[in-house]
PDB file of N, CA and C in Angstrom:
ATOM      1  N   UNK A   1     125.397 164.860 168.330  1.00  0.00           N
ATOM      2  CA  UNK A   1     125.064 163.566 168.900  1.00  0.00           C
ATOM      3  C   UNK A   1     126.334 162.973 169.511  1.00  0.00           C
ATOM      4  N   UNK A   2     126.229 162.570 170.746  1.00  0.00           N
ATOM      5  CA  UNK A   2     127.390 162.028 171.448  1.00  0.00           C
ATOM      6  C   UNK A   2     127.690 160.613 170.985  1.00  0.00           C
ATOM      7  N   UNK A   3     128.974 160.285 170.906  1.00  0.00           N
ATOM      8  CA  UNK A   3     129.389 158.924 170.555  1.00  0.00           C
ATOM      9  C   UNK A   3     129.507 158.131 171.843  1.00  0.00           C
ATOM     10  N   UNK A   4     128.341 157.746 172.387  1.00  0.00           N
ATOM     11  CA  UNK A   4     128.270 157.081 173.676  1.00  0.00           C
ATOM     12  C   UNK A   4     127.196 155.999 173.603  1.00  0.00           C
ATOM     13  N   UNK A   5     127.455 154.872 174.252  1.00  0.00           N
ATOM     14  CA  UNK A   5     126.507 153.759 174.279  1.00  0.00           C
ATOM     15  C   UNK A   5     125.309 154.136 175.151  1.00  0.00           C
ATOM     16  N   UNK A   6     124.088 153.865 174.659  1.00  0.00           N
ATOM     17  CA  UNK A   6     122.888 154.193 175.420  1.00  0.00           C
ATOM     18  C   UNK A   6     122.666 153.236 176.591  1.00  0.00           C
ATOM     19  N   UNK A   7     123.228 152.038 176.546  1.00  0.00           N
ATOM     20  CA  UNK A   7     123.016 151.073 177.621  1.00  0.00           C
ATOM     21  C   UNK A   7     124.038 151.222 178.741  1.00  0.00           C
ATOM     22  N   UNK A   8     125.322 151.157 178.408  1.00  0.00           N
ATOM     23  CA  UNK A   8     126.354 151.146 179.456  1.00  0.00           C
ATOM     24  C   UNK A   8     127.028 152.499 179.646  1.00  0.00           C
ATOM     25  N   UNK A   9     126.861 153.431 178.698  1.00  0.00           N
ATOM     26  CA  UNK A   9     127.462 154.746 178.835  1.00  0.00           C
ATOM     27  C   UNK A   9     128.914 154.829 178.404  1.00  0.00           C
ATOM     28  N   UNK A  10     129.416 153.751 177.775  1.00  0.00           N
ATOM     29  CA  UNK A  10     130.804 153.738 177.321  1.00  0.00           C
ATOM     30  C   UNK A  10     130.999 154.766 176.209  1.00  0.00           C
ATOM     31  N   UNK A  11     132.109 155.507 176.250  1.00  0.00           N
ATOM     32  CA  UNK A  11     132.392 156.532 175.252  1.00  0.00           C
ATOM     33  C   UNK A  11     133.785 156.394 174.685  1.00  0.00           C
ATOM     34  N   UNK A  12     134.237 157.452 174.026  1.00  0.00           N
ATOM     35  CA  UNK A  12     135.554 157.409 173.405  1.00  0.00           C
ATOM     36  C   UNK A  12     136.640 157.653 174.452  1.00  0.00           C
ATOM     37  N   UNK A  13     137.852 157.183 174.134  1.00  0.00           N
ATOM     38  CA  UNK A  13     139.002 157.372 175.010  1.00  0.00           C
ATOM     39  C   UNK A  13     140.102 158.089 174.246  1.00  0.00           C
ATOM     40  N   UNK A  14     141.044 158.664 174.989  1.00  0.00           N
ATOM     41  CA  UNK A  14     142.183 159.334 174.354  1.00  0.00           C
ATOM     42  C   UNK A  14     143.361 158.381 174.326  1.00  0.00           C
ATOM     43  N   UNK A  15     144.139 158.478 173.255  1.00  0.00           N
ATOM     44  CA  UNK A  15     145.328 157.665 173.099  1.00  0.00           C
ATOM     45  C   UNK A  15     146.377 158.526 172.404  1.00  0.00           C
ATOM     46  N   UNK A  16     147.592 158.052 172.369  1.00  0.00           N
ATOM     47  CA  UNK A  16     148.675 158.812 171.756  1.00  0.00           C
ATOM     48  C   UNK A  16     149.354 157.986 170.677  1.00  0.00           C
ATOM     49  N   UNK A  17     149.493 158.570 169.496  1.00  0.00           N
ATOM     50  CA  UNK A  17     150.323 157.991 168.446  1.00  0.00           C
ATOM     51  C   UNK A  17     151.740 158.498 168.677  1.00  0.00           C
ATOM     52  N   UNK A  18     152.707 157.623 168.543  1.00  0.00           N
ATOM     53  CA  UNK A  18     154.100 158.018 168.730  1.00  0.00           C
ATOM     54  C   UNK A  18     154.857 157.860 167.424  1.00  0.00           C
ATOM     55  N   UNK A  19     155.554 158.914 167.018  1.00  0.00           N
ATOM     56  CA  UNK A  19     156.360 158.859 165.806  1.00  0.00           C
ATOM     57  C   UNK A  19     157.719 158.225 166.122  1.00  0.00           C
ATOM     58  N   UNK A  20     158.530 158.114 165.100  1.00  0.00           N
ATOM     59  CA  UNK A  20     159.859 157.538 165.281  1.00  0.00           C
ATOM     60  C   UNK A  20     160.713 158.390 166.220  1.00  0.00           C
ATOM     61  N   UNK A  21     160.482 159.700 166.188  1.00  0.00           N
ATOM     62  CA  UNK A  21     161.236 160.597 167.080  1.00  0.00           C
ATOM     63  C   UNK A  21     160.535 160.763 168.430  1.00  0.00           C
ATOM     64  N   UNK A  22     159.541 159.934 168.712  1.00  0.00           N
ATOM     65  CA  UNK A  22     158.818 159.874 169.984  1.00  0.00           C
ATOM     66  C   UNK A  22     157.967 161.110 170.252  1.00  0.00           C
ATOM     67  N   UNK A  23     157.551 161.816 169.185  1.00  0.00           N
ATOM     68  CA  UNK A  23     156.631 162.938 169.331  1.00  0.00           C
ATOM     69  C   UNK A  23     155.226 162.371 169.504  1.00  0.00           C
ATOM     70  N   UNK A  24     154.514 162.898 170.501  1.00  0.00           N
ATOM     71  CA  UNK A  24     153.187 162.394 170.820  1.00  0.00           C
ATOM     72  C   UNK A  24     152.116 163.178 170.066  1.00  0.00           C
ATOM     73  N   UNK A  25     151.180 162.492 169.433  1.00  0.00           N
ATOM     74  CA  UNK A  25     150.034 163.096 168.779  1.00  0.00           C
ATOM     75  C   UNK A  25     148.786 162.460 169.391  1.00  0.00           C
ATOM     76  N   UNK A  26     147.956 163.290 170.026  1.00  0.00           N
ATOM     77  CA  UNK A  26     146.753 162.786 170.689  1.00  0.00           C
ATOM     78  C   UNK A  26     145.710 162.420 169.632  1.00  0.00           C
ATOM     79  N   UNK A  27     145.085 161.251 169.802  1.00  0.00           N
ATOM     80  CA  UNK A  27     144.013 160.822 168.908  1.00  0.00           C
ATOM     81  C   UNK A  27     142.879 160.254 169.748  1.00  0.00           C
ATOM     82  N   UNK A  28     141.705 160.175 169.184  1.00  0.00           N
ATOM     83  CA  UNK A  28     140.528 159.621 169.856  1.00  0.00           C
ATOM     84  C   UNK A  28     140.289 158.205 169.363  1.00  0.00           C
ATOM     85  N   UNK A  29     139.953 157.313 170.289  1.00  0.00           N
ATOM     86  CA  UNK A  29     139.536 155.960 169.921  1.00  0.00           C
ATOM     87  C   UNK A  29     138.056 155.863 170.228  1.00  0.00           C
ATOM     88  N   UNK A  30     137.251 155.834 169.168  1.00  0.00           N
ATOM     89  CA  UNK A  30     135.802 155.819 169.342  1.00  0.00           C
ATOM     90  C   UNK A  30     135.297 154.407 169.562  1.00  0.00           C
ATOM     91  N   UNK A  31     134.200 154.324 170.286  1.00  0.00           N
ATOM     92  CA  UNK A  31     133.543 153.059 170.580  1.00  0.00           C
ATOM     93  C   UNK A  31     132.807 152.590 169.322  1.00  0.00           C
ATOM     94  N   UNK A  32     132.716 151.275 169.119  1.00  0.00           N
ATOM     95  CA  UNK A  32     132.042 150.704 167.955  1.00  0.00           C
ATOM     96  C   UNK A  32     130.541 150.676 168.222  1.00  0.00           C
ATOM     97  N   UNK A  33     129.820 151.699 167.734  1.00  0.00           N
ATOM     98  CA  UNK A  33     128.387 151.824 167.983  1.00  0.00           C
ATOM     99  C   UNK A  33     127.571 151.300 166.809  1.00  0.00           C
ATOM    100  N   UNK A  34     126.482 150.624 167.133  1.00  0.00           N
ATOM    101  CA  UNK A  34     125.552 150.102 166.143  1.00  0.00           C
ATOM    102  C   UNK A  34     124.156 150.588 166.518  1.00  0.00           C
ATOM    103  N   UNK A  35     123.333 150.910 165.507  1.00  0.00           N
ATOM    104  CA  UNK A  35     121.949 151.298 165.762  1.00  0.00           C
ATOM    105  C   UNK A  35     121.090 150.049 165.801  1.00  0.00           C
ATOM    106  N   UNK A  36     120.394 149.849 166.908  1.00  0.00           N
ATOM    107  CA  UNK A  36     119.531 148.675 167.071  1.00  0.00           C
ATOM    108  C   UNK A  36     118.207 149.102 167.685  1.00  0.00           C
ATOM    109  N   UNK A  37     117.160 148.320 167.397  1.00  0.00           N
ATOM    110  CA  UNK A  37     115.862 148.539 168.033  1.00  0.00           C
ATOM    111  C   UNK A  37     115.782 147.662 169.265  1.00  0.00           C
ATOM    112  N   UNK A  38     115.604 148.300 170.411  1.00  0.00           N
ATOM    113  CA  UNK A  38     115.474 147.586 171.679  1.00  0.00           C
ATOM    114  C   UNK A  38     114.151 148.007 172.298  1.00  0.00           C
ATOM    115  N   UNK A  39     113.247 147.048 172.471  1.00  0.00           N
ATOM    116  CA  UNK A  39     111.902 147.292 173.007  1.00  0.00           C
ATOM    117  C   UNK A  39     111.158 148.346 172.192  1.00  0.00           C
ATOM    118  N   UNK A  40     111.317 148.312 170.873  1.00  0.00           N
ATOM    119  CA  UNK A  40     110.611 149.228 169.978  1.00  0.00           C
ATOM    120  C   UNK A  40     111.231 150.601 169.845  1.00  0.00           C
ATOM    121  N   UNK A  41     112.308 150.878 170.563  1.00  0.00           N
ATOM    122  CA  UNK A  41     112.969 152.184 170.475  1.00  0.00           C
ATOM    123  C   UNK A  41     114.336 152.017 169.843  1.00  0.00           C
ATOM    124  N   UNK A  42     114.722 153.004 169.027  1.00  0.00           N
ATOM    125  CA  UNK A  42     116.022 152.978 168.368  1.00  0.00           C
ATOM    126  C   UNK A  42     117.090 153.446 169.346  1.00  0.00           C
ATOM    127  N   UNK A  43     118.165 152.682 169.462  1.00  0.00           N
ATOM    128  CA  UNK A  43     119.226 153.027 170.409  1.00  0.00           C
ATOM    129  C   UNK A  43     120.579 152.769 169.776  1.00  0.00           C
ATOM    130  N   UNK A  44     121.574 153.557 170.199  1.00  0.00           N
ATOM    131  CA  UNK A  44     122.955 153.320 169.797  1.00  0.00           C
ATOM    132  C   UNK A  44     123.593 152.449 170.866  1.00  0.00           C
ATOM    133  N   UNK A  45     124.012 151.242 170.463  1.00  0.00           N
ATOM    134  CA  UNK A  45     124.522 150.263 171.405  1.00  0.00           C
ATOM    135  C   UNK A  45     125.916 149.839 170.953  1.00  0.00           C
ATOM    136  N   UNK A  46     126.854 149.710 171.914  1.00  0.00           N
ATOM    137  CA  UNK A  46     128.203 149.258 171.566  1.00  0.00           C
ATOM    138  C   UNK A  46     128.178 147.743 171.336  1.00  0.00           C
ATOM    139  N   UNK A  47     129.137 147.250 170.587  1.00  0.00           N
ATOM    140  CA  UNK A  47     129.170 145.834 170.235  1.00  0.00           C
ATOM    141  C   UNK A  47     129.412 144.951 171.456  1.00  0.00           C
ATOM    142  N   UNK A  48     130.065 145.475 172.481  1.00  0.00           N
ATOM    143  CA  UNK A  48     130.266 144.714 173.710  1.00  0.00           C
ATOM    144  C   UNK A  48     128.912 144.419 174.369  1.00  0.00           C
ATOM    145  N   UNK A  49     128.026 145.404 174.392  1.00  0.00           N
ATOM    146  CA  UNK A  49     126.686 145.199 174.949  1.00  0.00           C
ATOM    147  C   UNK A  49     125.866 144.248 174.072  1.00  0.00           C
ATOM    148  N   UNK A  50     126.032 144.338 172.742  1.00  0.00           N
ATOM    149  CA  UNK A  50     125.308 143.439 171.837  1.00  0.00           C
ATOM    150  C   UNK A  50     125.707 141.992 172.071  1.00  0.00           C
ATOM    151  N   UNK A  51     127.004 141.741 172.249  1.00  0.00           N
ATOM    152  CA  UNK A  51     127.480 140.385 172.519  1.00  0.00           C
ATOM    153  C   UNK A  51     126.922 139.859 173.833  1.00  0.00           C
ATOM    154  N   UNK A  52     126.853 140.735 174.845  1.00  0.00           N
ATOM    155  CA  UNK A  52     126.329 140.344 176.134  1.00  0.00           C
ATOM    156  C   UNK A  52     124.831 140.044 176.041  1.00  0.00           C
ATOM    157  N   UNK A  53     124.097 140.852 175.265  1.00  0.00           N
ATOM    158  CA  UNK A  53     122.658 140.641 175.095  1.00  0.00           C
ATOM    159  C   UNK A  53     122.373 139.312 174.413  1.00  0.00           C
ATOM    160  N   UNK A  54     123.162 138.957 173.412  1.00  0.00           N
ATOM    161  CA  UNK A  54     122.996 137.697 172.697  1.00  0.00           C
ATOM    162  C   UNK A  54     123.316 136.535 173.618  1.00  0.00           C
ATOM    163  N   UNK A  55     124.350 136.706 174.444  1.00  0.00           N
ATOM    164  CA  UNK A  55     124.801 135.624 175.336  1.00  0.00           C
ATOM    165  C   UNK A  55     123.779 135.343 176.440  1.00  0.00           C
ATOM    166  N   UNK A  56     123.074 136.364 176.928  1.00  0.00           N
ATOM    167  CA  UNK A  56     122.157 136.189 178.039  1.00  0.00           C
ATOM    168  C   UNK A  56     120.757 135.768 177.604  1.00  0.00           C
ATOM    169  N   UNK A  57     120.499 135.710 176.306  1.00  0.00           N
ATOM    170  CA  UNK A  57     119.162 135.299 175.832  1.00  0.00           C
ATOM    171  C   UNK A  57     118.970 133.833 175.935  1.00  0.00           C
TER     172      UNK A  57
END
């Protein structure tokens, strides 16, 4: 199952952790997904979309 928002398509991004000696370690920053029922269907929605949905109601 992909870690991607069903509404906007937002997914994870790559970032780098840097040690004291400036060695780069690649890490993933995942999107904050929540399971919600939208129009009777279960969907994985990011919190940014949830805030927008609440604001536009």
